[in-house]
Amino acid sequence: MMPAWYQRMNPRERLLSLIVAGTVFVLLNLWILSWIFGALGGAGRELAARKATLAEQALYIKERDTWMKRDEWLRQHQPVLKNPAEASALLDQLREVAGKYNILVENPAIGSGETTPYHQTVFASIETKSPWPPLVHFLYDVQRPDAFIVFENVNLAIDGSDPTMMRGKFKIARWFAPMQQKK
């Protein structure tokens, strides 16, 4: 038994109504499938992220002793910032090392840098002019692990007037122990 409204339709209207109903049905199914596949993809990404986090945590647990030793070494060896004049001492140290290799230091500037839970910094900005080999030795000597000196910004270029010379612009920071260390 067909409903009365369907029986009143002519064959052309019936065909058109079936096409509209079929299109709505297909579009609704496509929307539902799209949502399901999107949810599955999101769950897969979340699972992969959780597996990566788990692997990372397992690695940290495995290397816990190494990190504890490094933390202890940092607490024992990282210098404490006594006053902002430490930036001046850093600049003097840089000039001394540069003088050792006959590197011309230009436009020196000092300042205090950022303070994070892991370190405090003071910095010195310098520009240099020297041949390449002495500059390499300068970079090597300044950056020793026990010196806690970091090149935050380095810009090297060949001098336009003399191709045998290098021009360098450096922002060099010294990292000090944080204000309140966790014990």
C-alpha atoms as a PDB file:
ATOM      1  CA  MET A   1       0.000   0.000   0.000  1.00  0.00           C
ATOM      2  CA  MET A   2       1.342   3.306  -1.104  1.00  0.00           C
ATOM      3  CA  PRO A   3       0.582   6.558   0.682  1.00  0.00           C
ATOM      4  CA  ALA A   4      -2.004   8.751  -0.974  1.00  0.00           C
ATOM      5  CA  TRP A   5       0.452  11.586  -1.723  1.00  0.00           C
ATOM      6  CA  TYR A   6       2.681   9.149  -3.643  1.00  0.00           C
ATOM      7  CA  GLN A   7      -0.231   7.773  -5.653  1.00  0.00           C
ATOM      8  CA  ARG A   8      -1.270  11.265  -6.724  1.00  0.00           C
ATOM      9  CA  MET A   9       2.153  11.798  -8.359  1.00  0.00           C
ATOM     10  CA  ASN A  10       2.648  11.103 -12.006  1.00  0.00           C
ATOM     11  CA  PRO A  11       5.541   8.809 -13.063  1.00  0.00           C
ATOM     12  CA  ARG A  12       7.837  11.758 -13.788  1.00  0.00           C
ATOM     13  CA  GLU A  13       7.301  13.253 -10.290  1.00  0.00           C
ATOM     14  CA  ARG A  14       7.850   9.823  -8.725  1.00  0.00           C
ATOM     15  CA  LEU A  15      11.173   9.454 -10.578  1.00  0.00           C
ATOM     16  CA  LEU A  16      12.226  12.962  -9.550  1.00  0.00           C
ATOM     17  CA  SER A  17      11.310  12.342  -5.905  1.00  0.00           C
ATOM     18  CA  LEU A  18      13.311   9.056  -5.921  1.00  0.00           C
ATOM     19  CA  ILE A  19      16.307  10.891  -7.386  1.00  0.00           C
ATOM     20  CA  VAL A  20      16.076  13.626  -4.701  1.00  0.00           C
ATOM     21  CA  ALA A  21      15.635  11.054  -1.917  1.00  0.00           C
ATOM     22  CA  GLY A  22      18.553   8.989  -3.277  1.00  0.00           C
ATOM     23  CA  THR A  23      20.781  12.071  -3.499  1.00  0.00           C
ATOM     24  CA  VAL A  24      19.929  13.088   0.074  1.00  0.00           C
ATOM     25  CA  PHE A  25      20.585   9.497   1.220  1.00  0.00           C
ATOM     26  CA  VAL A  26      23.977   9.366  -0.560  1.00  0.00           C
ATOM     27  CA  LEU A  27      25.026  12.808   0.725  1.00  0.00           C
ATOM     28  CA  LEU A  28      23.996  11.910   4.273  1.00  0.00           C
ATOM     29  CA  ASN A  29      25.994   8.659   4.061  1.00  0.00           C
ATOM     30  CA  LEU A  30      29.018  10.505   2.654  1.00  0.00           C
ATOM     31  CA  TRP A  31      28.845  13.028   5.490  1.00  0.00           C
ATOM     32  CA  ILE A  32      28.610  10.243   8.095  1.00  0.00           C
ATOM     33  CA  LEU A  33      31.479   8.271   6.491  1.00  0.00           C
ATOM     34  CA  SER A  34      33.596  11.418   6.296  1.00  0.00           C
ATOM     35  CA  TRP A  35      33.018  12.054   9.988  1.00  0.00           C
ATOM     36  CA  ILE A  36      33.849   8.422  10.863  1.00  0.00           C
ATOM     37  CA  PHE A  37      37.058   8.397   8.788  1.00  0.00           C
ATOM     38  CA  GLY A  38      38.047  11.790  10.263  1.00  0.00           C
ATOM     39  CA  ALA A  39      37.544  10.423  13.764  1.00  0.00           C
ATOM     40  CA  LEU A  40      39.573   7.309  12.889  1.00  0.00           C
ATOM     41  CA  GLY A  41      42.373   9.464  11.461  1.00  0.00           C
ATOM     42  CA  GLY A  42      42.364  11.660  14.562  1.00  0.00           C
ATOM     43  CA  ALA A  43      42.475   8.588  16.800  1.00  0.00           C
ATOM     44  CA  GLY A  44      45.382   7.209  14.759  1.00  0.00           C
ATOM     45  CA  ARG A  45      47.302  10.487  15.086  1.00  0.00           C
ATOM     46  CA  GLU A  46      46.605  10.603  18.808  1.00  0.00           C
ATOM     47  CA  LEU A  47      47.737   6.983  19.183  1.00  0.00           C
ATOM     48  CA  ALA A  48      50.959   7.720  17.289  1.00  0.00           C
ATOM     49  CA  ALA A  49      51.592  10.793  19.479  1.00  0.00           C
ATOM     50  CA  ARG A  50      51.010   8.792  22.638  1.00  0.00           C
ATOM     51  CA  LYS A  51      53.322   6.014  21.426  1.00  0.00           C
ATOM     52  CA  ALA A  52      56.008   8.613  20.686  1.00  0.00           C
ATOM     53  CA  THR A  53      55.535  10.146  24.145  1.00  0.00           C
ATOM     54  CA  LEU A  54      55.759   6.712  25.733  1.00  0.00           C
ATOM     55  CA  ALA A  55      58.964   5.923  23.817  1.00  0.00           C
ATOM     56  CA  GLU A  56      60.419   9.293  24.858  1.00  0.00           C
ATOM     57  CA  GLN A  57      59.541   8.692  28.497  1.00  0.00           C
ATOM     58  CA  ALA A  58      61.039   5.201  28.337  1.00  0.00           C
ATOM     59  CA  LEU A  59      64.252   6.692  26.954  1.00  0.00           C
ATOM     60  CA  TYR A  60      64.355   9.303  29.732  1.00  0.00           C
ATOM     61  CA  ILE A  61      63.872   6.603  32.347  1.00  0.00           C
ATOM     62  CA  LYS A  62      66.579   4.495  30.724  1.00  0.00           C
ATOM     63  CA  GLU A  63      69.005   7.450  30.689  1.00  0.00           C
ATOM     64  CA  ARG A  64      67.961   8.837  34.072  1.00  0.00           C
ATOM     65  CA  ASP A  65      71.355   8.262  35.685  1.00  0.00           C
ATOM     66  CA  THR A  66      73.104  10.156  32.879  1.00  0.00           C
ATOM     67  CA  TRP A  67      70.760  13.118  33.228  1.00  0.00           C
ATOM     68  CA  MET A  68      71.124  13.110  37.015  1.00  0.00           C
ATOM     69  CA  LYS A  69      74.934  13.163  36.642  1.00  0.00           C
ATOM     70  CA  ARG A  70      74.692  16.036  34.151  1.00  0.00           C
ATOM     71  CA  ASP A  71      72.392  17.953  36.468  1.00  0.00           C
ATOM     72  CA  GLU A  72      74.784  17.433  39.373  1.00  0.00           C
ATOM     73  CA  TRP A  73      77.753  18.515  37.219  1.00  0.00           C
ATOM     74  CA  LEU A  74      75.862  21.673  36.206  1.00  0.00           C
ATOM     75  CA  ARG A  75      75.063  22.506  39.837  1.00  0.00           C
ATOM     76  CA  GLN A  76      78.718  22.107  40.789  1.00  0.00           C
ATOM     77  CA  HIS A  77      80.338  23.887  37.844  1.00  0.00           C
ATOM     78  CA  GLN A  78      77.933  26.509  36.473  1.00  0.00           C
ATOM     79  CA  PRO A  79      78.982  29.924  37.788  1.00  0.00           C
ATOM     80  CA  VAL A  80      76.655  32.114  39.832  1.00  0.00           C
ATOM     81  CA  LEU A  81      75.838  35.618  38.609  1.00  0.00           C
ATOM     82  CA  LYS A  82      77.143  37.943  41.297  1.00  0.00           C
ATOM     83  CA  ASN A  83      76.373  41.231  39.541  1.00  0.00           C
ATOM     84  CA  PRO A  84      75.627  42.603  36.077  1.00  0.00           C
ATOM     85  CA  ALA A  85      79.298  43.670  35.722  1.00  0.00           C
ATOM     86  CA  GLU A  86      79.945  40.068  34.692  1.00  0.00           C
ATOM     87  CA  ALA A  87      79.124  41.227  31.147  1.00  0.00           C
ATOM     88  CA  SER A  88      82.180  43.465  31.279  1.00  0.00           C
ATOM     89  CA  ALA A  89      84.297  40.508  32.392  1.00  0.00           C
ATOM     90  CA  LEU A  90      82.931  38.505  29.446  1.00  0.00           C
ATOM     91  CA  LEU A  91      83.899  41.302  27.058  1.00  0.00           C
ATOM     92  CA  ASP A  92      87.401  41.431  28.573  1.00  0.00           C
ATOM     93  CA  GLN A  93      87.712  37.665  28.146  1.00  0.00           C
ATOM     94  CA  LEU A  94      86.622  37.911  24.498  1.00  0.00           C
ATOM     95  CA  ARG A  95      89.127  40.701  23.835  1.00  0.00           C
ATOM     96  CA  GLU A  96      91.880  38.619  25.446  1.00  0.00           C
ATOM     97  CA  VAL A  97      91.161  35.574  23.273  1.00  0.00           C
ATOM     98  CA  ALA A  98      90.804  37.750  20.172  1.00  0.00           C
ATOM     99  CA  GLY A  99      94.132  39.435  20.951  1.00  0.00           C
ATOM    100  CA  LYS A 100      95.779  36.027  21.222  1.00  0.00           C
ATOM    101  CA  TYR A 101      94.912  35.414  17.535  1.00  0.00           C
ATOM    102  CA  ASN A 102      95.349  39.024  16.304  1.00  0.00           C
ATOM    103  CA  ILE A 103      91.641  39.475  15.654  1.00  0.00           C
ATOM    104  CA  LEU A 104      90.425  43.059  15.477  1.00  0.00           C
ATOM    105  CA  VAL A 105      87.427  43.624  17.794  1.00  0.00           C
ATOM    106  CA  GLU A 106      85.125  46.495  16.822  1.00  0.00           C
ATOM    107  CA  ASN A 107      81.940  48.003  18.266  1.00  0.00           C
ATOM    108  CA  PRO A 108      81.831  46.146  21.601  1.00  0.00           C
ATOM    109  CA  ALA A 109      78.612  46.320  23.583  1.00  0.00           C
ATOM    110  CA  ILE A 110      77.466  44.608  26.771  1.00  0.00           C
ATOM    111  CA  GLY A 111      74.133  43.881  28.394  1.00  0.00           C
ATOM    112  CA  SER A 112      72.131  41.518  30.525  1.00  0.00           C
ATOM    113  CA  GLY A 113      70.106  38.883  28.753  1.00  0.00           C
ATOM    114  CA  GLU A 114      67.216  36.649  29.530  1.00  0.00           C
ATOM    115  CA  THR A 115      66.456  34.888  32.762  1.00  0.00           C
ATOM    116  CA  THR A 116      64.859  31.440  32.549  1.00  0.00           C
ATOM    117  CA  PRO A 117      64.302  28.711  35.133  1.00  0.00           C
ATOM    118  CA  TYR A 118      67.496  27.058  33.827  1.00  0.00           C
ATOM    119  CA  HIS A 119      69.927  29.953  33.444  1.00  0.00           C
ATOM    120  CA  GLN A 120      70.587  33.685  33.571  1.00  0.00           C
ATOM    121  CA  THR A 121      72.630  35.388  30.885  1.00  0.00           C
ATOM    122  CA  VAL A 122      74.820  38.381  30.278  1.00  0.00           C
ATOM    123  CA  PHE A 123      75.952  39.108  26.759  1.00  0.00           C
ATOM    124  CA  ALA A 124      78.551  40.922  24.761  1.00  0.00           C
ATOM    125  CA  SER A 125      78.104  41.953  21.144  1.00  0.00           C
ATOM    126  CA  ILE A 126      81.236  42.380  19.051  1.00  0.00           C
ATOM    127  CA  GLU A 127      82.230  42.740  15.443  1.00  0.00           C
ATOM    128  CA  THR A 128      85.482  41.184  14.238  1.00  0.00           C
ATOM    129  CA  LYS A 129      87.807  41.438  11.279  1.00  0.00           C
ATOM    130  CA  SER A 130      90.382  38.726  10.680  1.00  0.00           C
ATOM    131  CA  PRO A 131      91.547  36.007   8.294  1.00  0.00           C
ATOM    132  CA  TRP A 132      89.569  32.755   8.425  1.00  0.00           C
ATOM    133  CA  PRO A 133      92.033  30.448  10.326  1.00  0.00           C
ATOM    134  CA  PRO A 134      92.462  32.748  13.360  1.00  0.00           C
ATOM    135  CA  LEU A 135      88.688  33.225  13.494  1.00  0.00           C
ATOM    136  CA  VAL A 136      88.190  29.461  13.679  1.00  0.00           C
ATOM    137  CA  HIS A 137      90.680  29.250  16.571  1.00  0.00           C
ATOM    138  CA  PHE A 138      88.923  32.141  18.295  1.00  0.00           C
ATOM    139  CA  LEU A 139      85.536  30.409  18.006  1.00  0.00           C
ATOM    140  CA  TYR A 140      87.020  27.165  19.315  1.00  0.00           C
ATOM    141  CA  ASP A 141      88.762  28.761  22.297  1.00  0.00           C
ATOM    142  CA  VAL A 142      85.781  30.843  23.387  1.00  0.00           C
ATOM    143  CA  GLN A 143      83.274  27.970  23.357  1.00  0.00           C
ATOM    144  CA  ARG A 144      84.530  25.475  25.900  1.00  0.00           C
ATOM    145  CA  PRO A 145      81.865  23.431  27.730  1.00  0.00           C
ATOM    146  CA  ASP A 146      83.116  24.468  31.154  1.00  0.00           C
ATOM    147  CA  ALA A 147      83.069  28.171  30.193  1.00  0.00           C
ATOM    148  CA  PHE A 148      79.266  28.242  29.719  1.00  0.00           C
ATOM    149  CA  ILE A 149      79.662  30.636  26.796  1.00  0.00           C
ATOM    150  CA  VAL A 150      77.163  30.467  23.965  1.00  0.00           C
ATOM    151  CA  PHE A 151      77.136  32.124  20.557  1.00  0.00           C
ATOM    152  CA  GLU A 152      73.527  33.300  20.381  1.00  0.00           C
ATOM    153  CA  ASN A 153      73.841  35.044  17.038  1.00  0.00           C
ATOM    154  CA  VAL A 154      76.599  34.713  14.426  1.00  0.00           C
ATOM    155  CA  ASN A 155      76.842  36.530  11.130  1.00  0.00           C
ATOM    156  CA  LEU A 156      79.964  35.902   9.004  1.00  0.00           C
ATOM    157  CA  ALA A 157      80.774  37.464   5.659  1.00  0.00           C
ATOM    158  CA  ILE A 158      83.793  38.000   3.426  1.00  0.00           C
ATOM    159  CA  ASP A 159      85.093  41.554   3.701  1.00  0.00           C
ATOM    160  CA  GLY A 160      84.142  43.514   0.574  1.00  0.00           C
ATOM    161  CA  SER A 161      87.413  45.456   0.446  1.00  0.00           C
ATOM    162  CA  ASP A 162      89.726  42.476   1.130  1.00  0.00           C
ATOM    163  CA  PRO A 163      88.615  38.943   0.104  1.00  0.00           C
ATOM    164  CA  THR A 164      91.221  37.358   2.418  1.00  0.00           C
ATOM    165  CA  MET A 165      89.510  38.826   5.488  1.00  0.00           C
ATOM    166  CA  MET A 166      86.325  37.773   7.255  1.00  0.00           C
ATOM    167  CA  ARG A 167      83.915  40.123   8.977  1.00  0.00           C
ATOM    168  CA  GLY A 168      81.959  38.698  11.885  1.00  0.00           C
ATOM    169  CA  LYS A 169      79.115  39.997  14.035  1.00  0.00           C
ATOM    170  CA  PHE A 170      78.591  38.034  17.211  1.00  0.00           C
ATOM    171  CA  LYS A 171      76.212  38.103  20.143  1.00  0.00           C
ATOM    172  CA  ILE A 172      77.939  36.002  22.756  1.00  0.00           C
ATOM    173  CA  ALA A 173      76.280  35.125  26.054  1.00  0.00           C
ATOM    174  CA  ARG A 174      77.564  33.581  29.225  1.00  0.00           C
ATOM    175  CA  TRP A 175      75.098  31.368  31.047  1.00  0.00           C
ATOM    176  CA  PHE A 176      74.979  31.518  34.818  1.00  0.00           C
ATOM    177  CA  ALA A 177      73.122  29.366  37.310  1.00  0.00           C
ATOM    178  CA  PRO A 178      69.457  30.264  37.789  1.00  0.00           C
ATOM    179  CA  MET A 179      68.518  32.545  40.670  1.00  0.00           C
ATOM    180  CA  GLN A 180      66.958  29.790  42.765  1.00  0.00           C
ATOM    181  CA  GLN A 181      68.159  26.318  41.980  1.00  0.00           C
ATOM    182  CA  LYS A 182      66.009  23.334  42.841  1.00  0.00           C
ATOM    183  CA  LYS A 183      67.756  20.984  45.209  1.00  0.00           C
END
